[in-house]
Amino acid sequence: MRIGLAVESMKRHTTDEGWQLFAGLEAAGWELHGYMLGSELTDIPTLLRRYDPSTVLLQDKREWDVQPGCFREQRARFHGVEALRTHSCYKLTVLKDMHQRPAYHAQSAEEIGCDAHVVYYDPPYPSYVKRAVRTYHSIDIVVVPPFHAHRAETVLSGATGRAYPLRTRLFRELRCSKVYHPGYHASGCATPNFLRALGQFKVAVCTASVYNYALRKLVEATACGCRVVTNFTGHFPAIGGNFHRVDSDASTAEVQSLCDSLCRTYDPELQEYFAETAKRHYDYRVVGRKLSNDIAASALSRSS
């Protein structure tokens, strides 16, 4: 038995990729447990005695180790997770935003005897990561808007601040439509509305942070039929040909010129091809099946 210790309320967070990771595993045959899920057990020693699983994936501790006043669901807290440490199952946890609170993540891995981390981003990984199982942010093709060729020109979206210097400058200076980040909350997922907005444009400027993380919007914009302008330097399987790269220190004039050129040469047939490719490779059910297989391979390599 393979068990995902998930946080059900994450399907109502501003962005639902954290929930989709576990929904994809459920579609691949895993059982999900936690508050409002499965047996609704949040006591890990009881769950281990009842199910004796072979593999357990625990959601990132920050999503359920909730402090008063946080928007996250406090009843989703898992109790007695240290019981995992002495159980024979293959133990994994999700690691997001590796630059944040490294001591906290290291302690979380230590308390469960973590065998591997599921990571969204490329190496290098922190020293406490014994082995990494790489996955990618996913989409739900059911909520991706149908492709159409009649579109406005360029859109820039996301949060601003010190982690996003290029994006912050472009929000001030680039001549285009802008979609500001709504902030983080658990009062309803904003992803469907965001996808509908992306589907109205030829070009989406999807800048990376200073950490060069592989962000979900690169997949979302491609699936919605946009040509993608980005300073992300990493690799996305199957859809990298849709990325038009700029340097992180590119001038606003350079980015503006590129966007204008991409709008003028927008090819609906090519962009529909990329959109279908993104949906075929990054639907959460497809990503979940691959992640499940990769976790099984990781567990097998430990025992061999």
Protein backbone atom coordinates (compact mmCIF):
# COMPACT_ATOMS: atom_id res chain seq x y z
CA MET A 1 0.00 0.00 0.00
CA ARG A 2 1.20 3.49 -0.94
CA ILE A 3 -0.14 6.34 1.16
CA GLY A 4 -0.09 10.08 0.59
CA LEU A 5 -0.43 12.19 3.73
CA ALA A 6 -2.11 15.15 2.10
CA VAL A 7 -3.80 18.44 3.01
CA GLU A 8 -7.28 18.50 1.49
CA SER A 9 -7.78 22.24 1.92
CA MET A 10 -4.94 22.92 -0.53
CA LYS A 11 -7.40 22.42 -3.38
CA ARG A 12 -8.90 25.76 -2.23
CA HIS A 13 -5.61 27.64 -1.93
CA THR A 14 -4.90 30.50 -4.33
CA THR A 15 -2.98 28.06 -6.52
CA ASP A 16 -3.69 24.35 -6.42
CA GLU A 17 -0.47 22.73 -7.64
CA GLY A 18 0.28 21.38 -4.15
CA TRP A 19 -3.02 19.54 -4.13
CA GLN A 20 -2.60 18.32 -7.70
CA LEU A 21 0.60 16.48 -6.78
CA PHE A 22 -1.38 14.23 -4.43
CA ALA A 23 -4.45 14.05 -6.69
CA GLY A 24 -2.15 12.75 -9.42
CA LEU A 25 -0.80 10.06 -7.11
CA GLU A 26 -4.34 9.11 -6.12
CA ALA A 27 -5.19 8.70 -9.82
CA ALA A 28 -2.14 6.39 -10.02
CA GLY A 29 -3.50 4.13 -7.28
CA TRP A 30 -2.27 5.71 -4.06
CA GLU A 31 -4.53 6.19 -1.04
CA LEU A 32 -4.75 9.68 0.43
CA HIS A 33 -5.18 10.17 4.17
CA GLY A 34 -5.49 13.19 6.39
CA TYR A 35 -8.16 15.57 7.58
CA MET A 36 -11.20 15.21 5.25
CA LEU A 37 -9.42 12.44 3.33
CA GLY A 38 -9.64 8.63 3.43
CA SER A 39 -9.91 7.44 7.02
CA GLU A 40 -9.48 11.08 8.15
CA LEU A 41 -6.67 9.85 10.38
CA THR A 42 -4.08 12.46 11.29
CA ASP A 43 -2.47 10.32 13.99
CA ILE A 44 0.44 8.66 12.21
CA PRO A 45 1.14 5.80 14.69
CA THR A 46 -2.50 4.67 14.36
CA LEU A 47 -2.38 4.95 10.58
CA LEU A 48 0.82 2.89 10.37
CA ARG A 49 -0.63 0.14 12.58
CA ARG A 50 -3.85 0.01 10.60
CA TYR A 51 -2.44 0.04 7.06
CA ASP A 52 1.24 -0.96 7.32
CA PRO A 53 2.10 0.85 4.07
CA SER A 54 5.11 0.13 1.88
CA THR A 55 5.56 3.80 0.88
CA VAL A 56 4.50 7.07 2.50
CA LEU A 57 4.75 10.57 1.04
CA LEU A 58 4.20 13.38 3.55
CA GLN A 59 3.17 16.83 2.37
CA ASP A 60 5.68 19.65 3.00
CA LYS A 61 5.55 20.28 6.74
CA ARG A 62 4.90 23.99 6.25
CA GLU A 63 1.47 23.12 4.83
CA TRP A 64 0.23 21.40 8.00
CA ASP A 65 2.49 22.67 10.82
CA VAL A 66 0.14 25.63 11.11
CA GLN A 67 0.62 28.56 13.46
CA PRO A 68 -2.32 30.64 14.80
CA GLY A 69 -3.48 33.29 12.35
CA CYS A 70 -2.25 31.42 9.27
CA PHE A 71 -4.73 30.92 6.41
CA ARG A 72 -3.97 27.19 6.28
CA GLU A 73 -6.29 24.58 7.81
CA GLN A 74 -5.22 23.95 11.40
CA ARG A 75 -7.15 20.69 11.67
CA ALA A 76 -4.94 19.21 8.93
CA ARG A 77 -1.98 18.90 11.34
CA PHE A 78 -0.41 15.43 11.40
CA HIS A 79 0.46 14.06 14.83
CA GLY A 80 3.21 11.63 15.78
CA VAL A 81 5.03 11.83 12.45
CA GLU A 82 8.21 10.68 14.23
CA ALA A 83 6.66 7.16 14.19
CA LEU A 84 7.58 7.05 10.52
CA ARG A 85 11.25 7.01 11.45
CA THR A 86 11.15 3.46 12.85
CA HIS A 87 8.66 2.05 10.34
CA SER A 88 9.99 -0.05 7.46
CA CYS A 89 8.15 1.90 4.74
CA TYR A 90 9.93 4.05 2.18
CA LYS A 91 9.53 7.59 3.51
CA LEU A 92 9.39 10.74 1.42
CA THR A 93 8.34 14.32 1.91
CA VAL A 94 7.74 17.21 -0.45
CA LEU A 95 10.36 19.95 -0.59
CA LYS A 96 9.34 23.31 -2.05
CA ASP A 97 11.17 26.64 -2.02
CA MET A 98 14.47 25.14 -0.92
CA HIS A 99 15.95 28.54 -0.07
CA GLN A 100 13.46 29.10 2.75
CA ARG A 101 14.02 27.86 6.33
CA PRO A 102 16.71 25.23 5.61
CA ALA A 103 17.08 24.28 9.27
CA TYR A 104 13.33 23.69 9.50
CA HIS A 105 13.32 21.42 6.45
CA ALA A 106 16.38 19.53 7.71
CA GLN A 107 14.70 18.94 11.07
CA SER A 108 11.50 17.78 9.34
CA ALA A 109 13.47 15.24 7.30
CA GLU A 110 15.33 14.03 10.38
CA GLU A 111 12.22 13.48 12.48
CA ILE A 112 10.62 11.12 9.93
CA GLY A 113 13.84 9.38 8.85
CA CYS A 114 13.29 10.68 5.33
CA ASP A 115 14.63 8.45 2.57
CA ALA A 116 13.98 10.85 -0.31
CA HIS A 117 12.49 14.24 -1.13
CA VAL A 118 10.05 14.96 -3.94
CA VAL A 119 11.35 18.17 -5.51
CA TYR A 120 10.02 20.52 -8.19
CA TYR A 121 13.36 22.12 -8.95
CA ASP A 122 16.76 21.29 -10.37
CA PRO A 123 19.93 20.67 -8.32
CA PRO A 124 21.97 21.57 -6.43
CA TYR A 125 19.95 20.34 -3.47
CA PRO A 126 20.61 20.97 0.23
CA SER A 127 22.90 18.57 2.06
CA TYR A 128 20.02 17.03 4.06
CA VAL A 129 18.47 15.68 0.81
CA LYS A 130 19.70 12.07 0.66
CA ARG A 131 18.10 11.49 -2.72
CA ALA A 132 15.70 13.49 -4.86
CA VAL A 133 12.73 12.37 -6.92
CA ARG A 134 12.16 15.09 -9.52
CA THR A 135 8.68 16.12 -10.57
CA TYR A 136 7.14 19.09 -12.38
CA HIS A 137 4.24 21.39 -11.69
CA SER A 138 1.10 20.16 -13.38
CA ILE A 139 -2.16 21.44 -14.82
CA ASP A 140 -5.70 20.11 -15.02
CA ILE A 141 -6.59 19.98 -18.70
CA VAL A 142 -10.30 20.15 -17.78
CA VAL A 143 -9.93 23.80 -16.74
CA VAL A 144 -7.57 24.90 -19.54
CA PRO A 145 -9.63 27.11 -21.89
CA PRO A 146 -10.16 25.97 -25.48
CA PHE A 147 -7.61 27.32 -27.91
CA HIS A 148 -8.62 30.25 -30.10
CA ALA A 149 -6.57 32.41 -32.42
CA HIS A 150 -8.14 35.82 -31.74
CA ARG A 151 -5.97 37.30 -28.97
CA ALA A 152 -4.61 40.47 -27.44
CA GLU A 153 -0.85 40.96 -27.44
CA THR A 154 1.29 40.60 -24.28
CA VAL A 155 0.54 39.86 -20.63
CA LEU A 156 2.83 39.98 -17.59
CA SER A 157 1.73 38.29 -14.38
CA GLY A 158 2.87 37.33 -10.90
CA ALA A 159 4.17 38.61 -7.60
CA THR A 160 6.78 41.33 -7.38
CA GLY A 161 9.56 42.02 -4.90
CA ARG A 162 13.22 41.36 -4.25
CA ALA A 163 13.01 37.73 -5.41
CA TYR A 164 11.79 38.90 -8.83
CA PRO A 165 13.95 41.87 -9.88
CA LEU A 166 13.34 41.56 -13.63
CA ARG A 167 9.60 41.07 -13.20
CA THR A 168 9.36 43.97 -10.76
CA ARG A 169 11.05 46.30 -13.23
CA LEU A 170 8.91 45.09 -16.11
CA PHE A 171 5.75 45.72 -14.11
CA ARG A 172 6.86 49.35 -13.88
CA GLU A 173 8.09 49.81 -17.43
CA LEU A 174 6.78 47.23 -19.94
CA ARG A 175 3.87 48.30 -22.15
CA CYS A 176 1.50 45.36 -21.82
CA SER A 177 -1.48 44.00 -19.91
CA LYS A 178 -0.72 43.01 -16.33
CA VAL A 179 -2.22 40.45 -13.95
CA TYR A 180 -1.13 41.03 -10.36
CA HIS A 181 -0.76 38.22 -7.85
CA PRO A 182 -3.90 38.03 -5.65
CA GLY A 183 -1.97 36.98 -2.55
CA TYR A 184 -2.12 33.64 -0.76
CA HIS A 185 -5.35 32.50 0.85
CA ALA A 186 -7.60 29.45 1.19
CA SER A 187 -10.87 31.06 0.10
CA GLY A 188 -10.92 29.57 -3.38
CA CYS A 189 -8.53 28.54 -6.13
CA ALA A 190 -7.64 31.34 -8.56
CA THR A 191 -6.09 29.01 -11.14
CA PRO A 192 -9.12 28.67 -13.48
CA ASN A 193 -9.48 32.46 -13.74
CA PHE A 194 -5.75 32.83 -14.32
CA LEU A 195 -5.83 30.30 -17.15
CA ARG A 196 -8.76 32.07 -18.76
CA ALA A 197 -6.78 35.30 -18.62
CA LEU A 198 -3.70 33.70 -20.19
CA GLY A 199 -5.81 32.28 -23.00
CA GLN A 200 -6.60 35.81 -24.21
CA PHE A 201 -2.98 36.70 -25.13
CA LYS A 202 -0.38 35.84 -27.76
CA VAL A 203 2.64 36.34 -25.51
CA ALA A 204 3.09 35.74 -21.78
CA VAL A 205 6.12 37.13 -19.96
CA CYS A 206 6.90 34.50 -17.31
CA THR A 207 10.00 35.58 -15.43
CA ALA A 208 11.86 33.37 -12.99
CA SER A 209 12.97 34.39 -9.53
CA VAL A 210 16.57 34.85 -8.48
CA TYR A 211 16.45 31.15 -7.51
CA ASN A 212 15.67 30.11 -11.10
CA TYR A 213 12.90 27.74 -10.01
CA ALA A 214 10.86 25.93 -12.67
CA LEU A 215 7.57 27.77 -12.18
CA ARG A 216 4.14 26.43 -13.01
CA LYS A 217 3.19 29.42 -15.14
CA LEU A 218 5.64 28.31 -17.84
CA VAL A 219 3.46 25.23 -18.35
CA GLU A 220 0.20 27.13 -17.86
CA ALA A 221 1.02 29.82 -20.41
CA THR A 222 2.09 27.25 -22.98
CA ALA A 223 -1.05 25.16 -22.44
CA CYS A 224 -3.15 28.30 -22.92
CA GLY A 225 -1.61 29.03 -26.33
CA CYS A 226 0.88 31.76 -25.37
CA ARG A 227 4.40 32.22 -26.63
CA VAL A 228 6.53 32.41 -23.48
CA VAL A 229 9.20 35.02 -22.78
CA THR A 230 11.33 34.02 -19.80
CA ASN A 231 14.70 34.37 -18.12
CA PHE A 232 14.40 30.82 -16.75
CA THR A 233 17.54 28.92 -17.76
CA GLY A 234 16.50 25.37 -16.92
CA HIS A 235 14.79 22.61 -18.86
CA PHE A 236 11.12 21.73 -19.30
CA PRO A 237 10.63 18.46 -21.19
CA ALA A 238 8.56 18.68 -24.40
CA ILE A 239 7.75 22.41 -24.30
CA GLY A 240 11.14 24.14 -24.15
CA GLY A 241 10.82 25.04 -27.82
CA ASN A 242 8.07 27.48 -26.86
CA PHE A 243 10.36 29.49 -24.55
CA HIS A 244 11.98 32.65 -25.86
CA ARG A 245 14.83 33.37 -23.47
CA VAL A 246 16.10 36.69 -22.21
CA ASP A 247 18.91 37.45 -19.79
CA SER A 248 17.96 38.43 -16.27
CA ASP A 249 19.63 41.81 -16.84
CA ALA A 250 17.91 42.40 -20.20
CA SER A 251 16.73 45.98 -20.65
CA THR A 252 13.02 46.72 -20.75
CA ALA A 253 13.48 47.91 -24.34
CA GLU A 254 14.96 44.53 -25.30
CA VAL A 255 12.08 42.64 -23.73
CA GLN A 256 9.56 45.01 -25.31
CA SER A 257 11.10 44.52 -28.75
CA LEU A 258 11.05 40.73 -28.38
CA CYS A 259 7.41 40.70 -27.25
CA ASP A 260 6.38 42.96 -30.13
CA SER A 261 8.16 40.70 -32.62
CA LEU A 262 6.60 37.55 -31.15
CA CYS A 263 3.14 39.11 -31.37
CA ARG A 264 3.65 40.07 -35.03
CA THR A 265 4.79 36.56 -35.95
CA TYR A 266 2.26 34.64 -33.82
CA ASP A 267 1.38 31.39 -35.59
CA PRO A 268 -1.91 29.92 -34.30
CA GLU A 269 -1.21 26.47 -35.73
CA LEU A 270 2.18 26.24 -34.02
CA GLN A 271 0.85 27.55 -30.72
CA GLU A 272 -2.05 25.11 -30.73
CA TYR A 273 0.53 22.35 -31.22
CA PHE A 274 2.51 23.53 -28.19
CA ALA A 275 -0.70 23.88 -26.18
CA GLU A 276 -1.70 20.30 -26.92
CA THR A 277 1.83 19.10 -26.14
CA ALA A 278 1.76 20.84 -22.75
CA LYS A 279 -1.63 19.34 -21.91
CA ARG A 280 -0.51 15.89 -22.97
CA HIS A 281 2.70 15.97 -20.88
CA TYR A 282 1.69 18.03 -17.85
CA ASP A 283 -1.87 17.04 -16.98
CA TYR A 284 -1.74 16.15 -13.30
CA ARG A 285 -2.82 12.57 -13.99
CA VAL A 286 0.13 12.06 -16.35
CA VAL A 287 2.58 13.78 -13.99
CA GLY A 288 1.21 11.77 -11.06
CA ARG A 289 1.67 8.47 -12.86
CA LYS A 290 5.26 9.31 -13.72
CA LEU A 291 5.97 10.47 -10.17
CA SER A 292 4.52 7.25 -8.78
CA ASN A 293 6.76 5.20 -11.06
CA ASP A 294 9.81 7.30 -10.18
CA ILE A 295 9.13 6.88 -6.46
CA ALA A 296 8.88 3.11 -6.95
CA ALA A 297 12.21 3.13 -8.80
CA SER A 298 13.80 5.18 -6.02
CA ALA A 299 12.51 2.78 -3.39
CA LEU A 300 13.79 -0.20 -5.38
CA SER A 301 17.24 1.34 -5.66
CA ARG A 302 17.37 1.70 -1.87
CA SER A 303 16.60 -1.96 -1.32
CA SER A 304 18.87 -3.33 -4.05
